[in-house]
């Protein structure tokens, strides 16, 4: 092979690489970036957490590059619909109400909620079957994150409670500690690590069993995307199944929690 042939091959290889690079799929991912331990920034500004690991794991399997976009929770779905990003990977529960507006991949994390209050509150909020005693919530101030499944559950189940809404989860803990609300409801995995295990959480404890009514909390947490993108949805779901079945999803959880936070049966969905 002469010099010109080698040169032609080299130029062709560079051109092919340029084409492949230019045509690589780029997916913009919306998340709060403040929802530790699921998606948040470290002290040096690095975006990390369980949702971030899932997004990166899925992207590696489907061969996509990611661009992360930080978005407040109550504007997450409107921003997706306005094409501000392509996917929501933000611990968003799959519910019928949300599926009227957007589509979801198969689930990758459990979706539950628990109440937190003072240890000596003695409020007698739930009966022996774990059902809420509606009358005992009347007049209680309960802090909830705006546009959350917790807000929907309270509105339907406990209308006598006085709901106080917050933009983001961090103000919940501050106002509970300062006595501005009597209770908060949030993700128990997050609350244990972020609040109850810390000095700030001294004197507080879970005030309810884990609540996971599918009608309000959905079947789990999934990746949100715009409707009509069935091929992308199916690729995302297949990647999630692979991450479950190859053990990666368990590894992501064990970096933070002492147990997996997904249903193994989702690997066969």
Protein backbone atom coordinates (compact mmCIF):
# COMPACT_ATOMS: atom_id res chain seq x y z
CA UNK A 1 0.00 0.00 0.00
CA UNK A 2 1.49 3.35 -1.05
CA UNK A 3 1.61 6.62 0.85
CA UNK A 4 -1.42 8.07 -0.95
CA UNK A 5 -3.52 5.05 -0.05
CA UNK A 6 -2.51 5.29 3.59
CA UNK A 7 -3.25 9.01 3.57
CA UNK A 8 -6.67 8.39 2.04
CA UNK A 9 -7.48 5.78 4.70
CA UNK A 10 -6.39 8.14 7.47
CA UNK A 11 -8.50 10.99 6.10
CA UNK A 12 -11.44 8.62 5.74
CA UNK A 13 -11.08 7.41 9.33
CA UNK A 14 -10.98 10.97 10.64
CA UNK A 15 -14.05 11.86 8.61
CA UNK A 16 -15.92 8.78 9.87
CA UNK A 17 -15.02 9.63 13.46
CA UNK A 18 -16.25 13.17 12.93
CA UNK A 19 -19.54 11.91 11.54
CA UNK A 20 -20.03 9.49 14.41
CA UNK A 21 -19.23 12.18 16.96
CA UNK A 22 -21.55 14.66 15.31
CA UNK A 23 -24.38 12.15 15.14
CA UNK A 24 -24.11 10.94 18.76
CA UNK A 25 -27.47 11.18 20.50
CA UNK A 26 -27.58 13.90 23.14
CA UNK A 27 -30.32 13.75 25.77
CA UNK A 28 -30.98 16.67 28.08
CA UNK A 29 -31.95 15.48 31.57
CA UNK A 30 -34.01 17.59 33.96
CA UNK A 31 -33.62 17.22 37.73
CA UNK A 32 -33.78 19.43 40.81
CA UNK A 33 -30.03 19.22 41.60
CA UNK A 34 -30.88 19.89 45.28
CA UNK A 35 -32.66 16.63 46.22
CA UNK A 36 -29.98 14.74 48.18
CA UNK A 37 -29.24 11.86 48.15
CA UNK A 38 -30.96 11.34 44.80
CA UNK A 39 -29.76 14.31 42.73
CA UNK A 40 -27.65 17.12 44.19
CA UNK A 41 -24.34 18.94 43.89
CA UNK A 42 -21.35 18.19 46.09
CA UNK A 43 -19.34 20.96 47.73
CA UNK A 44 -17.13 21.17 44.63
CA UNK A 45 -20.13 21.45 42.32
CA UNK A 46 -20.24 17.88 41.00
CA UNK A 47 -23.72 16.56 40.27
CA UNK A 48 -24.21 13.22 42.02
CA UNK A 49 -26.76 10.91 43.63
CA UNK A 50 -28.87 7.86 42.86
CA UNK A 51 -30.83 9.51 40.02
CA UNK A 52 -27.60 10.72 38.46
CA UNK A 53 -26.14 7.21 38.56
CA UNK A 54 -29.29 5.80 36.94
CA UNK A 55 -29.25 8.44 34.20
CA UNK A 56 -25.59 7.76 33.42
CA UNK A 57 -26.09 3.99 33.50
CA UNK A 58 -29.04 4.19 31.10
CA UNK A 59 -27.14 6.56 28.79
CA UNK A 60 -24.17 4.21 28.61
CA UNK A 61 -26.40 1.29 27.58
CA UNK A 62 -28.31 3.18 24.89
CA UNK A 63 -25.21 5.01 23.65
CA UNK A 64 -26.28 8.57 24.43
CA UNK A 65 -24.50 11.62 25.81
CA UNK A 66 -26.17 13.55 28.62
CA UNK A 67 -26.61 17.23 29.43
CA UNK A 68 -28.06 17.91 32.88
CA UNK A 69 -30.51 20.78 33.39
CA UNK A 70 -31.47 21.95 36.89
CA UNK A 71 -35.16 22.74 37.33
CA UNK A 72 -37.42 23.49 40.31
CA UNK A 73 -39.77 20.63 41.08
CA UNK A 74 -43.13 22.30 40.51
CA UNK A 75 -42.05 23.36 37.02
CA UNK A 76 -40.55 20.02 36.02
CA UNK A 77 -43.35 18.73 33.77
CA UNK A 78 -44.10 22.13 32.16
CA UNK A 79 -40.38 22.48 31.36
CA UNK A 80 -40.30 19.03 29.76
CA UNK A 81 -43.36 19.86 27.66
CA UNK A 82 -41.76 23.18 26.66
CA UNK A 83 -38.73 21.22 25.35
CA UNK A 84 -36.35 22.65 27.94
CA UNK A 85 -35.04 19.09 28.29
CA UNK A 86 -35.80 15.61 26.94
CA UNK A 87 -36.05 13.46 30.07
CA UNK A 88 -36.96 13.82 33.72
CA UNK A 89 -34.73 11.73 36.00
CA UNK A 90 -35.70 13.28 39.30
CA UNK A 91 -37.31 10.63 41.53
CA UNK A 92 -40.67 11.34 39.90
CA UNK A 93 -43.37 8.79 40.77
CA UNK A 94 -45.37 7.24 37.95
CA UNK A 95 -49.00 8.22 38.55
CA UNK A 96 -52.14 8.20 36.41
CA UNK A 97 -52.46 11.99 36.77
CA UNK A 98 -48.94 12.59 35.45
CA UNK A 99 -49.40 10.06 32.64
CA UNK A 100 -52.21 12.22 31.29
CA UNK A 101 -49.50 14.75 30.41
CA UNK A 102 -46.27 12.78 29.91
CA UNK A 103 -45.02 9.23 29.42
CA UNK A 104 -42.74 7.15 31.65
CA UNK A 105 -40.21 4.39 31.36
CA UNK A 106 -40.59 1.30 33.53
CA UNK A 107 -39.84 2.03 37.22
CA UNK A 108 -36.35 2.13 38.71
CA UNK A 109 -37.03 3.04 42.37
CA UNK A 110 -39.68 2.47 45.03
CA UNK A 111 -42.08 5.33 45.79
CA UNK A 112 -43.25 5.73 49.39
CA UNK A 113 -43.83 8.49 51.92
CA UNK A 114 -43.70 8.82 55.70
CA UNK A 115 -44.62 11.51 58.19
CA UNK A 116 -42.06 12.96 60.58
CA UNK A 117 -42.84 14.77 63.83
CA UNK A 118 -41.62 15.29 67.38
CA UNK A 119 -40.75 12.17 69.35
CA UNK A 120 -43.01 13.28 72.24
CA UNK A 121 -45.82 14.48 69.96
CA UNK A 122 -48.23 11.74 71.11
CA UNK A 123 -50.64 12.58 68.28
CA UNK A 124 -52.19 9.11 67.75
CA UNK A 125 -52.46 9.60 64.00
CA UNK A 126 -52.85 6.02 62.73
CA UNK A 127 -54.92 3.02 63.84
CA UNK A 128 -53.67 -0.54 64.34
CA UNK A 129 -54.17 -1.29 60.64
CA UNK A 130 -51.93 1.60 59.63
CA UNK A 131 -54.81 3.73 58.37
CA UNK A 132 -54.88 7.47 59.19
CA UNK A 133 -57.35 8.68 61.83
CA UNK A 134 -58.76 11.63 59.94
CA UNK A 135 -60.15 13.54 62.94
CA UNK A 136 -56.75 13.59 64.64
CA UNK A 137 -55.22 15.47 61.72
CA UNK A 138 -57.73 18.32 61.90
CA UNK A 139 -55.92 21.60 62.48
CA UNK A 140 -52.41 20.14 62.28
CA UNK A 141 -49.96 22.08 60.13
CA UNK A 142 -48.29 19.69 57.70
CA UNK A 143 -45.36 20.68 55.50
CA UNK A 144 -45.28 19.19 51.99
CA UNK A 145 -43.31 19.81 48.85
CA UNK A 146 -45.38 21.60 46.23
CA UNK A 147 -46.82 19.49 43.35
CA UNK A 148 -45.84 16.22 45.05
CA UNK A 149 -47.70 12.94 45.43
CA UNK A 150 -47.80 13.70 49.16
CA UNK A 151 -49.88 16.80 48.51
CA UNK A 152 -52.34 14.75 46.43
CA UNK A 153 -52.64 12.12 49.16
CA UNK A 154 -53.33 14.67 51.89
CA UNK A 155 -55.90 16.55 49.82
CA UNK A 156 -57.80 13.32 49.19
CA UNK A 157 -57.39 11.58 52.55
CA UNK A 158 -57.00 14.27 55.20
CA UNK A 159 -58.71 17.50 54.14
CA UNK A 160 -58.88 18.72 57.76
CA UNK A 161 -55.11 19.17 57.96
CA UNK A 162 -53.64 22.61 57.24
CA UNK A 163 -51.22 22.11 54.38
CA UNK A 164 -48.12 24.32 54.08
CA UNK A 165 -46.41 24.03 50.70
CA UNK A 166 -42.69 24.46 50.02
CA UNK A 167 -40.54 24.85 46.94
CA UNK A 168 -38.03 22.08 47.52
CA UNK A 169 -37.40 19.70 50.38
CA UNK A 170 -34.79 21.52 52.47
CA UNK A 171 -37.18 24.13 53.97
CA UNK A 172 -39.36 21.28 55.27
CA UNK A 173 -36.77 20.23 57.82
CA UNK A 174 -36.01 23.79 58.90
CA UNK A 175 -39.64 24.67 59.56
CA UNK A 176 -40.30 21.38 61.36
CA UNK A 177 -37.33 22.00 63.63
CA UNK A 178 -38.44 25.60 64.29
CA UNK A 179 -42.02 24.58 65.07
CA UNK A 180 -43.64 26.31 62.12
CA UNK A 181 -45.26 23.00 61.14
CA UNK A 182 -46.31 20.04 63.28
CA UNK A 183 -45.43 17.36 60.75
CA UNK A 184 -43.81 16.93 57.37
CA UNK A 185 -44.24 14.16 54.82
CA UNK A 186 -41.36 13.21 52.57
CA UNK A 187 -39.30 10.34 51.20
CA UNK A 188 -38.25 8.23 54.21
CA UNK A 189 -34.93 7.12 52.68
CA UNK A 190 -33.91 10.72 52.12
CA UNK A 191 -35.26 11.89 55.48
CA UNK A 192 -33.33 9.26 57.44
CA UNK A 193 -30.02 10.29 55.91
CA UNK A 194 -30.58 14.01 55.59
CA UNK A 195 -32.40 14.77 58.85
CA UNK A 196 -33.06 12.01 61.37
CA UNK A 197 -29.45 10.77 61.43
CA UNK A 198 -28.15 14.31 61.90
CA UNK A 199 -27.95 16.53 64.99
CA UNK A 200 -30.73 18.71 63.55
CA UNK A 201 -33.06 15.70 63.65
CA UNK A 202 -32.60 15.06 67.36
CA UNK A 203 -35.99 14.85 69.03
CA UNK A 204 -37.81 13.91 65.82
CA UNK A 205 -38.90 10.54 64.45
CA UNK A 206 -41.17 8.90 61.91
CA UNK A 207 -44.81 9.49 62.89
CA UNK A 208 -46.41 7.07 60.42
CA UNK A 209 -45.87 3.75 58.73
CA UNK A 210 -44.57 3.75 55.16
CA UNK A 211 -47.43 4.84 52.89
CA UNK A 212 -47.42 3.53 49.34
CA UNK A 213 -50.98 3.62 48.00
CA UNK A 214 -50.60 3.10 44.25
CA UNK A 215 -53.54 5.40 43.49
CA UNK A 216 -51.57 8.35 44.87
CA UNK A 217 -47.92 7.26 44.99
CA UNK A 218 -47.83 5.29 41.73
CA UNK A 219 -46.12 1.99 41.01
CA UNK A 220 -42.65 3.44 41.49
CA UNK A 221 -40.31 6.13 40.18
CA UNK A 222 -39.58 6.25 36.45
CA UNK A 223 -37.93 8.36 33.76
CA UNK A 224 -40.35 10.92 32.36
CA UNK A 225 -40.48 11.87 28.69
CA UNK A 226 -42.86 13.53 26.27
CA UNK A 227 -45.71 11.43 24.88
CA UNK A 228 -45.37 9.94 21.41
CA UNK A 229 -41.73 8.87 21.87
CA UNK A 230 -42.46 5.15 22.16
CA UNK A 231 -39.16 4.02 20.67
CA UNK A 232 -37.13 6.10 23.14
CA UNK A 233 -39.37 4.99 26.03
CA UNK A 234 -38.82 1.33 25.16
CA UNK A 235 -35.05 1.81 24.93
CA UNK A 236 -35.03 3.49 28.35
CA UNK A 237 -37.11 0.68 29.85
CA UNK A 238 -34.87 -2.00 28.36
CA UNK A 239 -31.81 -0.24 29.79
CA UNK A 240 -33.43 -0.05 33.24
CA UNK A 241 -34.15 -3.78 33.11
CA UNK A 242 -30.52 -4.42 32.22
CA UNK A 243 -29.29 -2.27 35.12
CA UNK A 244 -31.55 -4.22 37.49
CA UNK A 245 -30.55 -7.63 36.17
CA UNK A 246 -26.79 -6.98 36.02
CA UNK A 247 -26.72 -5.70 39.61
CA UNK A 248 -25.91 -2.07 38.79
CA UNK A 249 -29.14 -0.73 40.32
CA UNK A 250 -28.31 -2.48 43.59
CA UNK A 251 -24.79 -1.01 43.48
CA UNK A 252 -26.20 2.49 43.06
CA UNK A 253 -28.41 2.04 46.13
CA UNK A 254 -25.71 0.48 48.32
CA UNK A 255 -23.53 3.56 47.80
CA UNK A 256 -26.11 5.41 49.91
CA UNK A 257 -28.45 2.97 51.69
CA UNK A 258 -27.93 -0.41 53.40
CA UNK A 259 -30.45 -2.01 51.04
CA UNK A 260 -31.65 -1.89 47.41
CA UNK A 261 -34.54 0.49 46.73
CA UNK A 262 -36.09 -1.19 43.69
CA UNK A 263 -38.32 -4.20 43.09
CA UNK A 264 -36.30 -7.05 41.50
CA UNK A 265 -39.41 -8.11 39.57
CA UNK A 266 -39.11 -4.92 37.51
CA UNK A 267 -36.22 -6.64 35.72
CA UNK A 268 -38.75 -8.85 33.92
CA UNK A 269 -41.27 -6.14 33.01
